[in-house]
Amino acid sequence: MLKAAIFDIDNTLIKGHSSERIFIKYLFKKGIINLWDVLRFFGLFLFKLLTFQGIYLKTNKSYLKDKNVCLIREEAGLCFRGCLSSFITPKAREEINRKKAEGYLIVLISGTLGVLIEQFKEGLGADAAVGTRLQVADGFFTGMLEGHHPYGQGKAKILLELASEMGIDLKNSYAYADHYSDVYFLRLVGHPVAVNAHAILKLYARSKGWPVVEF
């Protein structure tokens, strides 16, 4: 079976940043996202909150509703090459290259948008990448999601499915992430690593004897 090094992106490969937030600001500056899109986003967030349907934030992609898929994908490439790629830390790149040299598949799993993780995959030479999949109708985003959301237990389910499809031996694989919500995902591998870890994950990792590192 194959072995893999599986990386989260936000605050793991890019320290202290959210790739999706950077992309939202980029789209807003270019006028592709407008004030109405932002108001729709917050309006839906407040509606879900006030109707006791939870804090609908990470899965709220309503700001992309009715946006052309080809246009957003093209802009994702421009944003990555012009901005996002510079946020990938040198230590993250070093670790990826080291794992490649050791014969590990490089896999990216992140809650960031699928159009963005495609760029990270290409830019880093990864073997596989899974991000938040957005529903498409007639070439336009609906603002809804498809499949498992790569967060918490959803990220763990995605990893299990990917390992089955690709023949990855998780017990001989590494996983790198920064947040306590990634514990479900980190527990699946034989070599979990807490990277740029939030306080709770750092405590948990140390209690389990996991490496705690900074990229």
Protein backbone atom coordinates (compact mmCIF):
# COMPACT_ATOMS: atom_id res chain seq x y z
CA MET A 1 0.00 0.00 0.00
CA LEU A 2 0.99 3.62 -0.46
CA LYS A 3 1.92 6.05 2.29
CA ALA A 4 0.91 9.71 2.33
CA ALA A 5 1.63 13.04 3.97
CA ILE A 6 -1.72 14.79 4.38
CA PHE A 7 -1.81 18.54 4.93
CA ASP A 8 -4.44 21.02 6.03
CA ILE A 9 -3.98 24.46 4.43
CA ASP A 10 -5.27 27.40 6.48
CA ASN A 11 -2.89 28.25 9.33
CA THR A 12 -0.94 25.07 8.51
CA LEU A 13 0.69 25.67 5.14
CA ILE A 14 -0.15 29.38 5.31
CA LYS A 15 0.38 30.60 8.86
CA GLY A 16 -2.16 33.01 10.34
CA HIS A 17 -4.28 33.34 7.21
CA SER A 18 -7.50 32.02 5.70
CA SER A 19 -7.13 31.42 1.97
CA GLU A 20 -10.88 31.86 1.43
CA ARG A 21 -10.98 35.22 3.21
CA ILE A 22 -8.07 36.45 1.11
CA PHE A 23 -9.91 35.31 -2.02
CA ILE A 24 -13.16 37.02 -0.93
CA LYS A 25 -11.30 40.32 -0.47
CA TYR A 26 -9.65 39.83 -3.86
CA LEU A 27 -13.02 39.21 -5.58
CA PHE A 28 -14.58 42.20 -3.82
CA LYS A 29 -11.78 44.52 -4.93
CA LYS A 30 -12.26 43.34 -8.52
CA GLY A 31 -16.01 43.92 -8.32
CA ILE A 32 -16.86 40.26 -8.91
CA ILE A 33 -18.41 40.12 -5.45
CA ASN A 34 -20.49 43.17 -4.62
CA LEU A 35 -22.21 44.64 -1.59
CA TRP A 36 -25.40 42.71 -2.34
CA ASP A 37 -23.47 39.41 -2.21
CA VAL A 38 -21.99 40.38 1.15
CA LEU A 39 -25.43 41.36 2.50
CA ARG A 40 -26.86 38.05 1.28
CA PHE A 41 -24.11 36.22 3.16
CA PHE A 42 -24.76 38.02 6.45
CA GLY A 43 -28.52 37.91 5.95
CA LEU A 44 -28.45 34.13 5.65
CA PHE A 45 -26.11 33.88 8.62
CA LEU A 46 -28.48 35.94 10.79
CA PHE A 47 -31.54 34.03 9.58
CA LYS A 48 -29.99 30.68 10.50
CA LEU A 49 -28.86 32.05 13.86
CA LEU A 50 -32.22 33.62 14.79
CA THR A 51 -34.16 30.53 13.74
CA PHE A 52 -31.94 28.35 15.95
CA GLN A 53 -30.39 26.46 13.02
CA GLY A 54 -26.86 26.96 14.30
CA ILE A 55 -23.96 29.25 13.49
CA TYR A 56 -24.06 28.95 9.70
CA LEU A 57 -20.66 30.38 8.83
CA LYS A 58 -18.12 27.88 7.48
CA THR A 59 -20.63 26.29 5.09
CA ASN A 60 -22.22 29.59 4.04
CA LYS A 61 -21.07 30.16 0.45
CA SER A 62 -24.05 32.30 -0.56
CA TYR A 63 -21.70 35.12 -1.59
CA LEU A 64 -20.88 33.00 -4.67
CA LYS A 65 -24.49 32.40 -5.66
CA ASP A 66 -25.03 32.94 -9.43
CA LYS A 67 -21.31 33.47 -10.08
CA ASN A 68 -19.92 31.94 -13.27
CA VAL A 69 -17.87 28.86 -12.46
CA CYS A 70 -15.28 29.42 -15.22
CA LEU A 71 -14.76 33.02 -14.14
CA ILE A 72 -14.29 32.13 -10.46
CA ARG A 73 -11.91 29.31 -11.35
CA GLU A 74 -9.87 31.65 -13.53
CA GLU A 75 -9.76 34.30 -10.80
CA ALA A 76 -8.71 31.66 -8.27
CA GLY A 77 -5.66 30.96 -10.41
CA LEU A 78 -4.80 34.64 -10.69
CA CYS A 79 -5.26 35.14 -6.94
CA PHE A 80 -3.09 32.14 -6.11
CA ARG A 81 -0.24 33.14 -8.40
CA GLY A 82 -0.39 36.82 -7.50
CA CYS A 83 -1.00 36.56 -3.77
CA LEU A 84 -1.78 33.27 -2.03
CA SER A 85 1.33 31.36 -3.08
CA SER A 86 3.49 33.91 -1.26
CA PHE A 87 1.80 33.02 2.03
CA ILE A 88 2.95 29.39 1.92
CA THR A 89 5.71 29.31 4.50
CA PRO A 90 9.25 28.14 3.58
CA LYS A 91 9.11 25.47 6.29
CA ALA A 92 5.85 24.12 4.86
CA ARG A 93 7.44 23.85 1.42
CA GLU A 94 10.51 22.18 2.93
CA GLU A 95 8.38 19.56 4.71
CA ILE A 96 6.38 18.82 1.55
CA ASN A 97 9.55 18.42 -0.50
CA ARG A 98 11.12 16.24 2.18
CA LYS A 99 8.10 13.94 2.26
CA LYS A 100 8.06 13.73 -1.53
CA ALA A 101 11.73 12.69 -1.49
CA GLU A 102 10.91 10.02 1.10
CA GLY A 103 8.29 8.54 -1.22
CA TYR A 104 5.11 9.87 0.37
CA LEU A 105 2.10 10.93 -1.67
CA ILE A 106 1.22 14.56 -0.96
CA VAL A 107 -2.47 15.02 -0.16
CA LEU A 108 -4.24 18.29 0.68
CA ILE A 109 -7.55 18.28 2.57
CA SER A 110 -8.99 21.62 3.61
CA GLY A 111 -12.25 23.45 4.18
CA THR A 112 -11.14 26.08 1.69
CA LEU A 113 -12.97 26.35 -1.64
CA GLY A 114 -12.44 23.61 -4.20
CA VAL A 115 -11.37 26.18 -6.82
CA LEU A 116 -8.61 27.32 -4.44
CA ILE A 117 -7.38 23.92 -3.39
CA GLU A 118 -6.99 23.05 -7.08
CA GLN A 119 -4.45 25.88 -7.25
CA PHE A 120 -2.61 24.71 -4.14
CA LYS A 121 -2.46 21.20 -5.62
CA GLU A 122 -0.91 22.45 -8.84
CA GLY A 123 1.39 24.95 -7.15
CA LEU A 124 2.76 22.45 -4.65
CA GLY A 125 2.78 19.44 -6.96
CA ALA A 126 0.41 17.49 -4.71
CA ASP A 127 -0.97 14.10 -5.76
CA ALA A 128 -4.53 14.69 -4.53
CA ALA A 129 -6.56 17.52 -3.03
CA VAL A 130 -10.05 17.86 -1.62
CA GLY A 131 -11.69 21.13 -0.63
CA THR A 132 -15.23 22.39 -0.15
CA ARG A 133 -17.23 21.32 -3.19
CA LEU A 134 -19.78 23.83 -4.41
CA GLN A 135 -22.98 22.87 -6.19
CA VAL A 136 -23.18 23.97 -9.83
CA ALA A 137 -26.23 24.47 -12.06
CA ASP A 138 -25.92 25.47 -15.73
CA GLY A 139 -22.37 26.71 -15.24
CA PHE A 140 -23.12 28.86 -12.19
CA PHE A 141 -22.64 28.30 -8.46
CA THR A 142 -25.84 27.90 -6.46
CA GLY A 143 -24.24 28.88 -3.14
CA MET A 144 -24.90 25.38 -1.77
CA LEU A 145 -22.42 22.60 -0.96
CA GLU A 146 -22.02 19.07 -2.27
CA GLY A 147 -20.64 16.06 -0.41
CA HIS A 148 -18.88 16.09 2.95
CA HIS A 149 -17.72 19.45 4.23
CA PRO A 150 -13.97 19.12 4.99
CA TYR A 151 -14.26 20.20 8.61
CA GLY A 152 -14.28 18.19 11.84
CA GLN A 153 -15.67 14.71 11.31
CA GLY A 154 -16.36 15.56 7.67
CA LYS A 155 -12.63 15.87 7.03
CA ALA A 156 -12.06 12.48 8.63
CA LYS A 157 -14.72 10.87 6.39
CA ILE A 158 -13.10 12.39 3.31
CA LEU A 159 -9.70 11.04 4.32
CA LEU A 160 -11.10 7.54 4.85
CA GLU A 161 -12.78 7.59 1.44
CA LEU A 162 -9.65 8.93 -0.25
CA ALA A 163 -7.45 6.33 1.45
CA SER A 164 -9.75 3.57 0.21
CA GLU A 165 -9.77 4.92 -3.34
CA MET A 166 -6.02 5.48 -3.57
CA GLY A 167 -4.83 2.52 -1.48
CA ILE A 168 -3.22 4.63 1.23
CA ASP A 169 -1.96 2.95 4.39
CA LEU A 170 -3.00 5.50 7.01
CA LYS A 171 -1.04 3.84 9.81
CA ASN A 172 2.18 4.57 7.93
CA SER A 173 1.10 8.06 6.91
CA TYR A 174 1.54 11.56 8.33
CA ALA A 175 -1.09 14.27 8.84
CA TYR A 176 -0.51 17.96 9.63
CA ALA A 177 -3.13 20.37 11.00
CA ASP A 178 -3.54 23.34 13.34
CA HIS A 179 -6.99 23.21 14.98
CA TYR A 180 -8.67 21.03 17.60
CA SER A 181 -11.48 20.31 15.13
CA ASP A 182 -8.84 18.39 13.13
CA VAL A 183 -8.40 15.80 15.89
CA TYR A 184 -10.81 13.37 14.15
CA PHE A 185 -8.66 13.57 11.03
CA LEU A 186 -5.31 13.45 12.86
CA ARG A 187 -6.26 10.35 14.86
CA LEU A 188 -6.64 8.32 11.68
CA VAL A 189 -2.93 8.33 10.83
CA GLY A 190 0.02 6.72 12.51
CA HIS A 191 1.99 9.97 12.60
CA PRO A 192 -0.14 13.03 13.49
CA VAL A 193 1.63 16.40 13.72
CA ALA A 194 0.20 19.57 15.31
CA VAL A 195 1.36 22.54 13.23
CA ASN A 196 1.05 26.19 14.32
CA ALA A 197 -1.40 24.68 16.78
CA HIS A 198 -4.20 26.50 18.57
CA ALA A 199 -3.97 26.21 22.36
CA ILE A 200 -6.42 23.31 22.81
CA LEU A 201 -4.86 21.19 20.06
CA LYS A 202 -1.41 21.94 21.45
CA LEU A 203 -2.45 20.66 24.89
CA TYR A 204 -4.13 17.60 23.39
CA ALA A 205 -1.16 16.81 21.16
CA ARG A 206 1.28 17.02 24.04
CA SER A 207 -0.93 14.75 26.15
CA LYS A 208 -0.80 12.18 23.34
CA GLY A 209 2.92 12.59 22.66
CA TRP A 210 2.35 14.02 19.16
CA PRO A 211 4.98 16.34 17.69
CA VAL A 212 4.11 20.05 18.00
CA VAL A 213 5.88 22.16 15.39
CA GLU A 214 5.83 25.60 13.83
CA PHE A 215 5.92 26.14 10.08
